Amino acid sequence: MQFATPKGNVQFELPALAAAAAPATLTLPIPVHVRVDGARQAAQAAELAARLGMLDLANRLNNVSIALTNLAQELSNAVFKSQALASSDAILALLDVDAFLADVGRDLAFARDQLRDANTNEQVRDAIVGYQFPLWDLQSMLDAVARHGFTAVLDPNTATALPGAAARYFVGLQNTGSETTTSALSDKT
């Protein structure tokens, strides 16, 4: 049995009985998963963002996953590099306006800057790998939201209280996550 690959042919010997029963030519689809650190974390974070209804973020994460995968296959391709940078900038803009996710933006910006400044194939490869850490953090944060997310309501959202007088508020919490979550309210800052 012989397989044709881009790098040449690979041959396997089959036992006589198995070879006699096999047709002369057999075409089989063989799915191959290419693992590119950084791109894999982006794809996993995209799945979580989509489940949370954060479709803009999910789409941008998918874009950066594709761009990093393409760039990993052609390290000197300026188009793939610019696509990865543009997708990263779009993700950073979305993270910047989300108080919960903004912290991961700093690390992602560092990874983006490393890629922007990379001039050699080795530097590009290292920069792609550098994406895995902030994107893993983002994935972990999105997973926490999926498991323990909640919405809070404060009604009214403002009140004036005279010294010694109470101001009454209605506080509502709704668990939007997938796991039981205990919340504690406190007047401590």
C-alpha atoms as a PDB file:
ATOM      1  CA  MET A   1       0.000   0.000   0.000  1.00  0.00           C
ATOM      2  CA  GLN A   2       1.395   3.402  -0.923  1.00  0.00           C
ATOM      3  CA  PHE A   3       0.368   6.884   0.256  1.00  0.00           C
ATOM      4  CA  ALA A   4       1.324   9.994  -1.687  1.00  0.00           C
ATOM      5  CA  THR A   5       2.230  12.983   0.500  1.00  0.00           C
ATOM      6  CA  PRO A   6       3.628  16.407  -0.399  1.00  0.00           C
ATOM      7  CA  LYS A   7       7.011  15.229   0.892  1.00  0.00           C
ATOM      8  CA  GLY A   8       7.024  11.961  -1.058  1.00  0.00           C
ATOM      9  CA  ASN A   9       5.482   8.514  -0.995  1.00  0.00           C
ATOM     10  CA  VAL A  10       5.053   6.362   2.092  1.00  0.00           C
ATOM     11  CA  GLN A  11       4.696   2.599   1.704  1.00  0.00           C
ATOM     12  CA  PHE A  12       3.110   0.047   4.036  1.00  0.00           C
ATOM     13  CA  GLU A  13       3.136  -3.727   3.558  1.00  0.00           C
ATOM     14  CA  LEU A  14      -0.124  -5.584   4.143  1.00  0.00           C
ATOM     15  CA  PRO A  15      -0.431  -9.298   4.855  1.00  0.00           C
ATOM     16  CA  ALA A  16      -1.192 -11.347   1.712  1.00  0.00           C
ATOM     17  CA  LEU A  17      -4.794 -12.082   2.704  1.00  0.00           C
ATOM     18  CA  ALA A  18      -5.629  -8.432   3.364  1.00  0.00           C
ATOM     19  CA  ALA A  19      -3.930  -7.305   0.157  1.00  0.00           C
ATOM     20  CA  ALA A  20      -5.776  -9.882  -1.968  1.00  0.00           C
ATOM     21  CA  ALA A  21      -9.163  -8.656  -0.707  1.00  0.00           C
ATOM     22  CA  ALA A  22      -8.393  -4.963  -1.244  1.00  0.00           C
ATOM     23  CA  PRO A  23      -9.283  -3.260  -4.540  1.00  0.00           C
ATOM     24  CA  ALA A  24      -6.380  -2.204  -6.785  1.00  0.00           C
ATOM     25  CA  THR A  25      -7.055   1.494  -6.095  1.00  0.00           C
ATOM     26  CA  LEU A  26      -8.823   2.762  -3.008  1.00  0.00           C
ATOM     27  CA  THR A  27      -9.377   6.431  -2.202  1.00  0.00           C
ATOM     28  CA  LEU A  28     -10.078   7.297   1.419  1.00  0.00           C
ATOM     29  CA  PRO A  29     -10.515  10.703   3.035  1.00  0.00           C
ATOM     30  CA  ILE A  30      -8.210  10.983   6.013  1.00  0.00           C
ATOM     31  CA  PRO A  31      -9.015  13.904   8.335  1.00  0.00           C
ATOM     32  CA  VAL A  32      -5.910  15.612   9.651  1.00  0.00           C
ATOM     33  CA  HIS A  33      -5.913  18.029  12.570  1.00  0.00           C
ATOM     34  CA  VAL A  34      -3.074  20.523  12.346  1.00  0.00           C
ATOM     35  CA  ARG A  35      -2.165  21.727  15.829  1.00  0.00           C
ATOM     36  CA  VAL A  36      -0.754  25.223  15.986  1.00  0.00           C
ATOM     37  CA  ASP A  37      -0.276  26.536  19.518  1.00  0.00           C
ATOM     38  CA  GLY A  38      -1.961  29.904  19.756  1.00  0.00           C
ATOM     39  CA  ALA A  39      -4.377  29.099  16.936  1.00  0.00           C
ATOM     40  CA  ARG A  40      -5.805  26.163  18.889  1.00  0.00           C
ATOM     41  CA  GLN A  41      -6.468  28.343  21.945  1.00  0.00           C
ATOM     42  CA  ALA A  42      -8.085  30.993  19.743  1.00  0.00           C
ATOM     43  CA  ALA A  43     -10.422  28.396  18.212  1.00  0.00           C
ATOM     44  CA  GLN A  44     -11.391  27.028  21.631  1.00  0.00           C
ATOM     45  CA  ALA A  45     -12.007  30.541  22.987  1.00  0.00           C
ATOM     46  CA  ALA A  46     -14.108  31.270  19.886  1.00  0.00           C
ATOM     47  CA  GLU A  47     -16.351  28.284  20.650  1.00  0.00           C
ATOM     48  CA  LEU A  48     -16.908  29.534  24.212  1.00  0.00           C
ATOM     49  CA  ALA A  49     -17.553  33.109  23.063  1.00  0.00           C
ATOM     50  CA  ALA A  50     -20.137  31.857  20.558  1.00  0.00           C
ATOM     51  CA  ARG A  51     -21.902  29.814  23.260  1.00  0.00           C
ATOM     52  CA  LEU A  52     -22.056  32.972  25.398  1.00  0.00           C
ATOM     53  CA  GLY A  53     -23.592  34.952  22.527  1.00  0.00           C
ATOM     54  CA  MET A  54     -20.444  37.049  22.058  1.00  0.00           C
ATOM     55  CA  LEU A  55     -20.545  36.574  18.300  1.00  0.00           C
ATOM     56  CA  ASP A  56     -18.272  39.492  17.361  1.00  0.00           C
ATOM     57  CA  LEU A  57     -15.567  38.161  19.664  1.00  0.00           C
ATOM     58  CA  ALA A  58     -16.115  34.593  18.427  1.00  0.00           C
ATOM     59  CA  ASN A  59     -15.743  35.687  14.794  1.00  0.00           C
ATOM     60  CA  ARG A  60     -12.566  37.669  15.478  1.00  0.00           C
ATOM     61  CA  LEU A  61     -11.084  34.755  17.443  1.00  0.00           C
ATOM     62  CA  ASN A  62     -11.841  32.428  14.531  1.00  0.00           C
ATOM     63  CA  ASN A  63     -10.159  34.908  12.199  1.00  0.00           C
ATOM     64  CA  VAL A  64      -6.991  35.025  14.299  1.00  0.00           C
ATOM     65  CA  SER A  65      -6.997  31.219  14.579  1.00  0.00           C
ATOM     66  CA  ILE A  66      -7.094  30.884  10.790  1.00  0.00           C
ATOM     67  CA  ALA A  67      -4.492  33.603  10.276  1.00  0.00           C
ATOM     68  CA  LEU A  68      -2.079  32.065  12.816  1.00  0.00           C
ATOM     69  CA  THR A  69      -2.526  28.614  11.296  1.00  0.00           C
ATOM     70  CA  ASN A  70      -1.826  29.964   7.815  1.00  0.00           C
ATOM     71  CA  LEU A  71       1.156  31.946   9.064  1.00  0.00           C
ATOM     72  CA  ALA A  72       2.584  28.889  10.862  1.00  0.00           C
ATOM     73  CA  GLN A  73       2.596  27.087   7.518  1.00  0.00           C
ATOM     74  CA  GLU A  74       4.229  30.006   5.673  1.00  0.00           C
ATOM     75  CA  LEU A  75       6.244  31.933   8.255  1.00  0.00           C
ATOM     76  CA  SER A  76       7.456  34.597   5.821  1.00  0.00           C
ATOM     77  CA  ASN A  77       4.022  35.344   4.293  1.00  0.00           C
ATOM     78  CA  ALA A  78       3.354  39.060   4.857  1.00  0.00           C
ATOM     79  CA  VAL A  79      -0.364  38.725   4.024  1.00  0.00           C
ATOM     80  CA  PHE A  80      -0.930  36.062   6.681  1.00  0.00           C
ATOM     81  CA  LYS A  81       1.053  38.111   9.182  1.00  0.00           C
ATOM     82  CA  SER A  82      -1.013  41.244   8.461  1.00  0.00           C
ATOM     83  CA  GLN A  83      -4.234  39.216   8.789  1.00  0.00           C
ATOM     84  CA  ALA A  84      -3.115  37.936  12.191  1.00  0.00           C
ATOM     85  CA  LEU A  85      -2.246  41.473  13.304  1.00  0.00           C
ATOM     86  CA  ALA A  86      -5.542  42.943  12.057  1.00  0.00           C
ATOM     87  CA  SER A  87      -7.544  40.165  13.731  1.00  0.00           C
ATOM     88  CA  SER A  88      -5.604  40.707  16.959  1.00  0.00           C
ATOM     89  CA  ASP A  89      -6.367  44.436  16.861  1.00  0.00           C
ATOM     90  CA  ALA A  90     -10.075  43.700  16.406  1.00  0.00           C
ATOM     91  CA  ILE A  91     -10.018  41.345  19.414  1.00  0.00           C
ATOM     92  CA  LEU A  92      -8.190  43.942  21.504  1.00  0.00           C
ATOM     93  CA  ALA A  93     -10.827  46.560  20.669  1.00  0.00           C
ATOM     94  CA  LEU A  94     -13.575  44.184  21.864  1.00  0.00           C
ATOM     95  CA  LEU A  95     -11.714  43.231  25.043  1.00  0.00           C
ATOM     96  CA  ASP A  96     -10.955  46.854  25.873  1.00  0.00           C
ATOM     97  CA  VAL A  97     -14.644  47.703  26.397  1.00  0.00           C
ATOM     98  CA  ASP A  98     -15.356  44.686  28.623  1.00  0.00           C
ATOM     99  CA  ALA A  99     -14.268  45.341  32.220  1.00  0.00           C
ATOM    100  CA  PHE A 100     -14.109  41.603  32.990  1.00  0.00           C
ATOM    101  CA  LEU A 101     -12.004  40.674  29.947  1.00  0.00           C
ATOM    102  CA  ALA A 102      -9.874  43.814  29.588  1.00  0.00           C
ATOM    103  CA  ASP A 103      -6.996  42.437  31.687  1.00  0.00           C
ATOM    104  CA  VAL A 104      -6.222  39.690  29.184  1.00  0.00           C
ATOM    105  CA  GLY A 105      -5.937  42.394  26.521  1.00  0.00           C
ATOM    106  CA  ARG A 106      -2.587  43.593  27.858  1.00  0.00           C
ATOM    107  CA  ASP A 107      -1.012  40.161  27.423  1.00  0.00           C
ATOM    108  CA  LEU A 108      -2.601  39.727  24.007  1.00  0.00           C
ATOM    109  CA  ALA A 109      -1.274  43.151  22.978  1.00  0.00           C
ATOM    110  CA  PHE A 110       2.206  42.003  24.001  1.00  0.00           C
ATOM    111  CA  ALA A 111       1.861  38.860  21.842  1.00  0.00           C
ATOM    112  CA  ARG A 112       0.595  40.984  18.945  1.00  0.00           C
ATOM    113  CA  ASP A 113       3.557  43.366  19.330  1.00  0.00           C
ATOM    114  CA  GLN A 114       5.958  40.412  19.330  1.00  0.00           C
ATOM    115  CA  LEU A 115       4.454  39.247  16.045  1.00  0.00           C
ATOM    116  CA  ARG A 116       4.503  42.756  14.591  1.00  0.00           C
ATOM    117  CA  ASP A 117       8.209  43.133  15.413  1.00  0.00           C
ATOM    118  CA  ALA A 118       9.211  39.624  14.272  1.00  0.00           C
ATOM    119  CA  ASN A 119      11.600  39.701  11.310  1.00  0.00           C
ATOM    120  CA  THR A 120      12.930  36.149  11.068  1.00  0.00           C
ATOM    121  CA  ASN A 121      11.056  32.871  10.677  1.00  0.00           C
ATOM    122  CA  GLU A 122      12.179  31.849  14.163  1.00  0.00           C
ATOM    123  CA  GLN A 123      10.841  35.098  15.660  1.00  0.00           C
ATOM    124  CA  VAL A 124       7.516  34.649  13.820  1.00  0.00           C
ATOM    125  CA  ARG A 125       7.254  31.047  15.063  1.00  0.00           C
ATOM    126  CA  ASP A 126       7.985  32.158  18.640  1.00  0.00           C
ATOM    127  CA  ALA A 127       5.449  34.989  18.365  1.00  0.00           C
ATOM    128  CA  ILE A 128       2.741  32.571  17.180  1.00  0.00           C
ATOM    129  CA  VAL A 129       3.452  30.316  20.158  1.00  0.00           C
ATOM    130  CA  GLY A 130       3.320  33.430  22.380  1.00  0.00           C
ATOM    131  CA  TYR A 131      -0.357  33.839  21.528  1.00  0.00           C
ATOM    132  CA  GLN A 132      -1.243  30.635  23.356  1.00  0.00           C
ATOM    133  CA  PHE A 133      -0.843  32.077  26.868  1.00  0.00           C
ATOM    134  CA  PRO A 134      -3.129  35.144  26.665  1.00  0.00           C
ATOM    135  CA  LEU A 135      -5.635  33.191  24.566  1.00  0.00           C
ATOM    136  CA  TRP A 136      -5.598  30.364  27.105  1.00  0.00           C
ATOM    137  CA  ASP A 137      -6.316  32.986  29.804  1.00  0.00           C
ATOM    138  CA  LEU A 138      -9.177  34.364  27.701  1.00  0.00           C
ATOM    139  CA  GLN A 139     -10.504  30.848  27.182  1.00  0.00           C
ATOM    140  CA  SER A 140     -10.382  30.231  30.958  1.00  0.00           C
ATOM    141  CA  MET A 141     -12.190  33.496  31.676  1.00  0.00           C
ATOM    142  CA  LEU A 142     -14.913  32.747  29.114  1.00  0.00           C
ATOM    143  CA  ASP A 143     -15.283  29.267  30.599  1.00  0.00           C
ATOM    144  CA  ALA A 144     -15.747  30.806  34.062  1.00  0.00           C
ATOM    145  CA  VAL A 145     -18.459  33.093  32.685  1.00  0.00           C
ATOM    146  CA  ALA A 146     -20.171  30.124  31.022  1.00  0.00           C
ATOM    147  CA  ARG A 147     -20.112  28.171  34.283  1.00  0.00           C
ATOM    148  CA  HIS A 148     -20.706  30.959  36.849  1.00  0.00           C
ATOM    149  CA  GLY A 149     -22.137  33.919  34.942  1.00  0.00           C
ATOM    150  CA  PHE A 150     -24.837  36.059  36.452  1.00  0.00           C
ATOM    151  CA  THR A 151     -26.761  39.219  35.804  1.00  0.00           C
ATOM    152  CA  ALA A 152     -27.385  41.758  38.538  1.00  0.00           C
ATOM    153  CA  VAL A 153     -30.142  44.328  38.870  1.00  0.00           C
ATOM    154  CA  LEU A 154     -30.107  47.277  41.274  1.00  0.00           C
ATOM    155  CA  ASP A 155     -33.388  49.209  41.458  1.00  0.00           C
ATOM    156  CA  PRO A 156     -33.331  52.120  41.770  1.00  0.00           C
ATOM    157  CA  ASN A 157     -29.767  52.628  40.597  1.00  0.00           C
ATOM    158  CA  THR A 158     -29.401  55.822  42.691  1.00  0.00           C
ATOM    159  CA  ALA A 159     -30.925  57.069  45.948  1.00  0.00           C
ATOM    160  CA  THR A 160     -30.343  59.928  48.350  1.00  0.00           C
ATOM    161  CA  ALA A 161     -30.265  59.108  52.048  1.00  0.00           C
ATOM    162  CA  LEU A 162     -30.157  61.651  54.872  1.00  0.00           C
ATOM    163  CA  PRO A 163     -27.763  60.943  57.764  1.00  0.00           C
ATOM    164  CA  GLY A 164     -29.098  58.082  59.862  1.00  0.00           C
ATOM    165  CA  ALA A 165     -31.838  57.256  57.334  1.00  0.00           C
ATOM    166  CA  ALA A 166     -31.993  54.123  55.226  1.00  0.00           C
ATOM    167  CA  ALA A 167     -32.160  54.020  51.456  1.00  0.00           C
ATOM    168  CA  ARG A 168     -33.925  50.966  50.086  1.00  0.00           C
ATOM    169  CA  TYR A 169     -32.757  49.095  47.010  1.00  0.00           C
ATOM    170  CA  PHE A 170     -33.952  45.958  45.299  1.00  0.00           C
ATOM    171  CA  VAL A 171     -31.000  43.729  44.414  1.00  0.00           C
ATOM    172  CA  GLY A 172     -31.657  40.932  41.954  1.00  0.00           C
ATOM    173  CA  LEU A 173     -29.203  38.243  40.864  1.00  0.00           C
ATOM    174  CA  GLN A 174     -29.860  35.710  38.126  1.00  0.00           C
ATOM    175  CA  ASN A 175     -27.531  32.761  37.578  1.00  0.00           C
ATOM    176  CA  THR A 176     -26.919  32.595  33.819  1.00  0.00           C
ATOM    177  CA  GLY A 177     -24.163  29.992  34.153  1.00  0.00           C
ATOM    178  CA  SER A 178     -24.283  26.237  33.887  1.00  0.00           C
ATOM    179  CA  GLU A 179     -23.283  25.485  37.509  1.00  0.00           C
ATOM    180  CA  THR A 180     -24.671  26.312  40.923  1.00  0.00           C
ATOM    181  CA  THR A 181     -22.914  29.431  42.151  1.00  0.00           C
ATOM    182  CA  THR A 182     -22.987  30.989  45.608  1.00  0.00           C
ATOM    183  CA  SER A 183     -22.954  34.796  45.684  1.00  0.00           C
ATOM    184  CA  ALA A 184     -22.364  37.014  48.688  1.00  0.00           C
ATOM    185  CA  LEU A 185     -23.291  40.684  48.907  1.00  0.00           C
ATOM    186  CA  SER A 186     -21.358  42.932  51.222  1.00  0.00           C
ATOM    187  CA  ASP A 187     -21.118  46.626  52.043  1.00  0.00           C
ATOM    188  CA  LYS A 188     -17.345  46.214  52.433  1.00  0.00           C
ATOM    189  CA  THR A 189     -15.173  47.845  49.789  1.00  0.00           C
END
